[in-house]
Amino acid sequence: MPYEIAPSANPPVSALVLDSPHSWGDWPSDVATAAPQDIVRTSWDAFVGDLWSSAAHGRAPVLMARFHRSFIDANRARDDIDPELLTDAWPGPLNPTKKSKNGQGLIRRDAVPGIPMYAAKLSAHEVQQRITRYYDPYHAALARLIDAAYLRHGFTCHIDCHSMKSQGNAMNEDNGQDRPDFVVSDLDGATANPALTQYVAQSLTQLGYRVQVNYPYKGAELIRRYSDPTRGRHSVQVEIKRGLYMDERSFKRNAGYAQLEANLHSFTSQLLRELDGTLGAQLRSREAASTPTTA
């Protein structure tokens, strides 16, 4: 199974759905890389699935990938493929974005700046197999979870969960800059009612964290694809600075892990209460339809 779902009530008791697309640290044993595995490992969102599963505590589903994000990235568009990675022609149009050009597309070209993932190019068939076996099932599962919450509550609050290095590198807009504790993103207001983005940012700030909105991350495919604020479908991306809870060299939890875990639980509890109250009323669209999300 290319994903797992932390258990929650069925039917869903809240409009909240969380997903962690980069929470799997193991690289496939039968796929060779040119990059050393300790470098490949740095793109893993270590412990993010655990943190948010603890925060949700069975009150909302948490979808977690069981494939490495550098193997195939669920947070990229299906056609965001660098043609220079392929040995042969792709059977259809491609739409490589800036992410692909920076080596961070659907299939990573570079593990980190200057270190290529592979010694040789990949066949179009191999990439198609990754899409069919991993990418598509993950998106189908997320679509089902969001649709179930939407059909029951008339709106959804989707949080796409990530971690970020404490300092940006050449793949990022903030190369060399120290990062805040959290970044909350909504594609510059396109994927959520501003009330939700503001609520998430303010709540985390009140817990003592330094928070930025839409910089250095604006959000990507997962919040774009599953949002439509005019119909009550709201998505935000939340990035957590790794240095808050782990040693970024050893990938071991540090002394801050327990405090962050407790704070995320408190944040989620408060958010769930607000979704049942004033905030939820703002997010629920009067024109909400029952059309399922397209996976």
Protein backbone atom coordinates (compact mmCIF):
# COMPACT_ATOMS: atom_id res chain seq x y z
CA MET A 1 0.00 0.00 0.00
CA PRO A 2 1.57 3.35 -1.03
CA TYR A 3 0.01 5.20 1.90
CA GLU A 4 -1.39 4.79 5.37
CA ILE A 5 -4.16 6.65 7.16
CA ALA A 6 -3.98 7.34 10.87
CA PRO A 7 -7.26 6.09 12.31
CA SER A 8 -10.08 8.52 12.86
CA ALA A 9 -13.81 8.40 13.46
CA ASN A 10 -15.94 7.09 10.62
CA PRO A 11 -17.98 8.94 9.52
CA PRO A 12 -15.66 11.94 10.00
CA VAL A 13 -16.61 13.99 13.04
CA SER A 14 -14.97 17.15 11.72
CA ALA A 15 -14.25 18.95 8.48
CA LEU A 16 -10.50 18.67 9.09
CA VAL A 17 -8.30 16.46 6.87
CA LEU A 18 -4.50 16.34 7.11
CA ASP A 19 -1.94 14.84 4.77
CA SER A 20 1.81 14.31 4.97
CA PRO A 21 3.16 13.51 1.50
CA HIS A 22 6.86 13.43 2.40
CA SER A 23 6.77 11.43 5.62
CA TRP A 24 8.40 8.23 4.32
CA GLY A 25 12.18 8.03 4.75
CA ASP A 26 13.07 4.72 3.07
CA TRP A 27 14.39 4.62 -0.47
CA PRO A 28 13.44 1.58 -2.64
CA SER A 29 16.18 -1.04 -2.29
CA ASP A 30 15.99 -2.00 -5.99
CA VAL A 31 16.45 1.55 -7.35
CA ALA A 32 20.03 2.79 -7.59
CA THR A 33 20.97 6.43 -7.00
CA ALA A 34 24.12 8.35 -7.77
CA ALA A 35 23.55 10.52 -4.70
CA PRO A 36 24.62 9.03 -1.36
CA GLN A 37 21.69 7.93 0.77
CA ASP A 38 22.62 10.33 3.58
CA ILE A 39 22.08 13.15 1.07
CA VAL A 40 18.85 11.66 -0.32
CA ARG A 41 17.61 11.41 3.25
CA THR A 42 17.71 15.17 3.75
CA SER A 43 14.54 15.62 1.68
CA TRP A 44 12.56 13.40 4.07
CA ASP A 45 10.00 15.21 6.26
CA ALA A 46 11.13 13.26 9.28
CA PHE A 47 8.51 12.66 12.02
CA VAL A 48 5.93 14.97 10.42
CA GLY A 49 3.37 12.19 10.08
CA ASP A 50 3.96 11.18 13.70
CA LEU A 51 3.62 14.74 14.97
CA TRP A 52 0.36 15.45 13.19
CA SER A 53 -1.11 12.01 13.95
CA SER A 54 -0.47 12.71 17.61
CA ALA A 55 -2.00 16.17 17.22
CA ALA A 56 -5.12 14.82 15.53
CA HIS A 57 -5.42 12.00 18.09
CA GLY A 58 -8.07 10.18 16.10
CA ARG A 59 -10.25 13.26 15.67
CA ALA A 60 -9.34 13.81 12.01
CA PRO A 61 -7.74 11.54 9.40
CA VAL A 62 -4.04 11.91 8.62
CA LEU A 63 -2.94 10.52 5.25
CA MET A 64 0.76 9.63 5.08
CA ALA A 65 2.78 8.57 2.05
CA ARG A 66 4.73 5.32 2.09
CA PHE A 67 7.08 6.32 -0.72
CA HIS A 68 10.04 8.67 -0.72
CA ARG A 69 9.31 12.14 -2.05
CA SER A 70 12.45 12.10 -4.20
CA PHE A 71 11.27 8.85 -5.81
CA ILE A 72 8.05 10.59 -6.83
CA ASP A 73 6.62 13.72 -5.28
CA ALA A 74 2.90 13.79 -4.54
CA ASN A 75 3.15 17.56 -4.11
CA ARG A 76 3.90 18.18 -7.78
CA ALA A 77 1.60 18.22 -10.77
CA ARG A 78 1.38 14.94 -12.67
CA ASP A 79 3.01 16.46 -15.76
CA ASP A 80 5.70 18.50 -13.97
CA ILE A 81 8.44 16.33 -15.46
CA ASP A 82 11.84 17.45 -16.72
CA PRO A 83 12.20 15.93 -20.22
CA GLU A 84 15.98 15.93 -19.71
CA LEU A 85 15.48 13.12 -17.18
CA LEU A 86 14.01 10.78 -19.78
CA THR A 87 15.69 8.41 -22.21
CA ASP A 88 12.71 8.43 -24.58
CA ALA A 89 9.69 10.50 -25.52
CA TRP A 90 6.85 11.01 -23.05
CA PRO A 91 3.48 9.83 -24.47
CA GLY A 92 1.78 13.20 -24.11
CA PRO A 93 2.46 16.82 -23.26
CA LEU A 94 4.71 17.78 -20.36
CA ASN A 95 4.55 20.96 -18.32
CA PRO A 96 7.86 21.33 -16.48
CA THR A 97 7.63 24.21 -14.00
CA LYS A 98 10.27 26.17 -12.17
CA LYS A 99 10.41 23.29 -9.71
CA SER A 100 11.54 20.90 -12.45
CA LYS A 101 14.06 23.41 -13.72
CA ASN A 102 15.47 23.60 -10.18
CA GLY A 103 15.72 19.80 -10.03
CA GLN A 104 12.65 19.39 -7.80
CA GLY A 105 9.90 18.26 -10.15
CA LEU A 106 7.65 15.22 -9.98
CA ILE A 107 10.82 13.11 -10.27
CA ARG A 108 13.84 14.73 -8.69
CA ARG A 109 16.82 15.44 -10.92
CA ASP A 110 19.05 16.63 -8.06
CA ALA A 111 19.17 15.38 -4.47
CA VAL A 112 20.58 18.73 -3.38
CA PRO A 113 22.11 21.48 -5.51
CA GLY A 114 24.99 20.08 -7.53
CA ILE A 115 24.41 16.41 -6.65
CA PRO A 116 22.34 14.48 -9.22
CA MET A 117 19.94 11.77 -8.06
CA TYR A 118 20.74 9.30 -10.83
CA ALA A 119 23.76 8.20 -12.83
CA ALA A 120 21.60 7.64 -15.91
CA LYS A 121 18.33 8.85 -17.35
CA LEU A 122 15.02 7.10 -16.64
CA SER A 123 12.68 5.53 -19.17
CA ALA A 124 9.25 7.02 -19.69
CA HIS A 125 7.79 3.62 -18.77
CA GLU A 126 9.53 3.62 -15.38
CA VAL A 127 8.22 7.09 -14.55
CA GLN A 128 4.71 6.08 -15.66
CA GLN A 129 4.90 3.06 -13.34
CA ARG A 130 5.78 5.32 -10.41
CA ILE A 131 2.79 7.52 -11.19
CA THR A 132 0.41 4.57 -11.45
CA ARG A 133 1.64 2.68 -8.38
CA TYR A 134 2.31 5.55 -5.96
CA TYR A 135 1.20 9.01 -7.05
CA ASP A 136 -2.30 8.23 -8.31
CA PRO A 137 -3.34 6.05 -5.32
CA TYR A 138 -2.15 8.70 -2.86
CA HIS A 139 -4.17 11.41 -4.58
CA ALA A 140 -7.21 9.15 -4.86
CA ALA A 141 -7.06 8.46 -1.12
CA LEU A 142 -6.80 12.16 -0.27
CA ALA A 143 -9.71 12.96 -2.59
CA ARG A 144 -11.86 10.36 -0.83
CA LEU A 145 -11.05 11.71 2.63
CA ILE A 146 -11.79 15.30 1.62
CA ASP A 147 -15.00 14.34 -0.17
CA ALA A 148 -16.23 12.36 2.85
CA ALA A 149 -15.66 15.31 5.18
CA TYR A 150 -17.20 17.74 2.68
CA LEU A 151 -20.33 15.71 2.10
CA ARG A 152 -20.92 15.39 5.83
CA HIS A 153 -20.07 18.95 6.93
CA GLY A 154 -20.59 21.13 3.86
CA PHE A 155 -17.01 22.42 3.89
CA THR A 156 -13.46 21.13 4.40
CA CYS A 157 -10.30 22.35 6.06
CA HIS A 158 -7.35 20.53 4.52
CA ILE A 159 -3.87 20.99 6.02
CA ASP A 160 -0.94 19.79 3.93
CA CYS A 161 1.86 19.02 6.43
CA HIS A 162 5.58 19.46 5.80
CA SER A 163 8.93 20.19 7.40
CA MET A 164 11.68 22.49 6.17
CA LYS A 165 15.41 22.79 6.71
CA SER A 166 16.33 25.53 9.16
CA GLN A 167 18.13 27.40 6.40
CA GLY A 168 17.30 27.67 2.70
CA ASN A 169 19.63 26.36 -0.01
CA ALA A 170 20.14 27.06 -3.71
CA MET A 171 16.94 25.18 -4.59
CA ASN A 172 14.93 27.69 -2.57
CA GLU A 173 13.99 31.35 -2.83
CA ASP A 174 15.55 32.04 0.57
CA ASN A 175 19.01 30.60 -0.16
CA GLY A 176 21.23 31.11 2.88
CA GLN A 177 18.52 32.67 5.02
CA ASP A 178 17.49 31.50 8.47
CA ARG A 179 13.88 30.42 8.46
CA PRO A 180 10.96 31.09 10.82
CA ASP A 181 9.52 28.32 12.98
CA PHE A 182 6.47 27.89 10.75
CA VAL A 183 5.43 28.91 7.25
CA VAL A 184 1.70 28.94 6.48
CA SER A 185 0.84 29.02 2.77
CA ASP A 186 -2.26 29.45 0.62
CA LEU A 187 -0.85 30.27 -2.83
CA ASP A 188 -1.20 33.97 -2.06
CA GLY A 189 -4.83 33.65 -1.01
CA ALA A 190 -5.98 31.33 -3.79
CA THR A 191 -6.58 28.13 -1.82
CA ALA A 192 -8.31 29.21 1.40
CA ASN A 193 -10.51 31.84 2.91
CA PRO A 194 -8.13 34.43 4.40
CA ALA A 195 -9.84 33.84 7.74
CA LEU A 196 -8.39 30.30 7.85
CA THR A 197 -4.87 31.32 6.87
CA GLN A 198 -4.92 34.15 9.39
CA TYR A 199 -6.32 31.90 12.10
CA VAL A 200 -3.62 29.25 11.61
CA ALA A 201 -0.82 31.84 11.56
CA GLN A 202 -2.11 33.72 14.60
CA SER A 203 -2.73 30.57 16.63
CA LEU A 204 0.82 29.36 16.06
CA THR A 205 2.16 32.82 16.87
CA GLN A 206 0.23 32.80 20.15
CA LEU A 207 1.96 29.53 21.03
CA GLY A 208 5.26 31.43 20.89
CA TYR A 209 6.44 30.59 17.39
CA ARG A 210 7.76 32.89 14.69
CA VAL A 211 5.45 32.51 11.69
CA GLN A 212 5.59 33.75 8.10
CA VAL A 213 2.87 33.51 5.47
CA ASN A 214 3.60 32.50 1.85
CA TYR A 215 7.36 32.97 2.15
CA PRO A 216 9.59 31.21 1.36
CA TYR A 217 6.88 28.68 0.48
CA LYS A 218 3.62 29.59 -1.24
CA GLY A 219 2.27 26.04 -1.40
CA ALA A 220 2.14 23.61 -4.29
CA GLU A 221 0.04 20.95 -5.99
CA LEU A 222 -1.72 19.40 -3.01
CA ILE A 223 -3.35 22.61 -1.82
CA ARG A 224 -3.96 23.83 -5.37
CA ARG A 225 -5.65 20.63 -6.48
CA TYR A 226 -7.99 20.12 -3.54
CA SER A 227 -9.13 23.66 -2.87
CA ASP A 228 -12.02 25.77 -4.07
CA PRO A 229 -12.78 28.38 -1.40
CA THR A 230 -15.86 29.61 -3.25
CA ARG A 231 -17.39 26.16 -2.65
CA GLY A 232 -16.18 25.70 0.90
CA ARG A 233 -13.06 23.67 0.10
CA HIS A 234 -10.10 25.26 1.89
CA SER A 235 -6.47 24.11 1.88
CA VAL A 236 -3.36 25.49 3.56
CA GLN A 237 0.19 24.20 3.68
CA VAL A 238 2.08 24.22 6.98
CA GLU A 239 5.87 23.91 7.10
CA ILE A 240 7.67 23.29 10.41
CA LYS A 241 11.33 24.16 10.88
CA ARG A 242 13.17 20.92 11.57
CA GLY A 243 15.53 22.43 14.11
CA LEU A 244 12.57 22.86 16.47
CA TYR A 245 12.25 19.12 17.01
CA MET A 246 15.17 17.20 15.54
CA ASP A 247 18.90 17.15 14.95
CA GLU A 248 19.15 17.84 11.21
CA ARG A 249 22.37 15.85 10.80
CA SER A 250 21.53 12.70 12.73
CA PHE A 251 17.75 12.81 12.06
CA LYS A 252 17.08 12.11 15.72
CA ARG A 253 14.45 13.82 17.83
CA ASN A 254 15.83 16.57 20.04
CA ALA A 255 14.68 17.99 23.37
CA GLY A 256 12.14 20.24 21.64
CA TYR A 257 10.12 17.37 20.17
CA ALA A 258 7.83 16.82 23.16
CA GLN A 259 6.99 20.52 23.45
CA LEU A 260 6.21 20.81 19.75
CA GLU A 261 4.07 17.67 19.91
CA ALA A 262 2.10 19.12 22.83
CA ASN A 263 1.69 22.48 21.11
CA LEU A 264 0.44 20.90 17.88
CA HIS A 265 -2.10 18.91 19.87
CA SER A 266 -3.26 22.13 21.55
CA PHE A 267 -3.40 23.92 18.20
CA THR A 268 -5.45 21.13 16.62
CA SER A 269 -7.86 20.96 19.55
CA GLN A 270 -8.50 24.68 19.29
CA LEU A 271 -8.85 24.53 15.51
CA LEU A 272 -11.43 21.73 15.78
CA ARG A 273 -13.47 23.80 18.22
CA GLU A 274 -13.33 26.79 15.89
CA LEU A 275 -14.36 24.69 12.90
CA ASP A 276 -17.50 23.82 14.87
CA GLY A 277 -18.07 27.52 15.58
CA THR A 278 -17.41 30.94 14.09
CA LEU A 279 -14.51 29.94 11.83
CA GLY A 280 -16.45 27.01 10.41
CA ALA A 281 -19.38 29.29 9.64
CA GLN A 282 -17.03 31.52 7.65
CA LEU A 283 -15.59 28.59 5.73
CA ARG A 284 -18.89 26.95 4.88
CA SER A 285 -20.06 28.15 1.49
CA ARG A 286 -23.79 28.80 0.99
CA GLU A 287 -23.32 27.58 -2.58
CA ALA A 288 -21.52 24.39 -1.54
CA ALA A 289 -22.15 21.56 -4.00
CA SER A 290 -21.71 17.84 -3.56
CA THR A 291 -19.51 17.28 -6.60
CA PRO A 292 -16.65 14.95 -5.63
CA THR A 293 -13.04 16.12 -5.78
CA THR A 294 -11.29 15.08 -8.99
CA ALA A 295 -8.39 12.79 -8.16
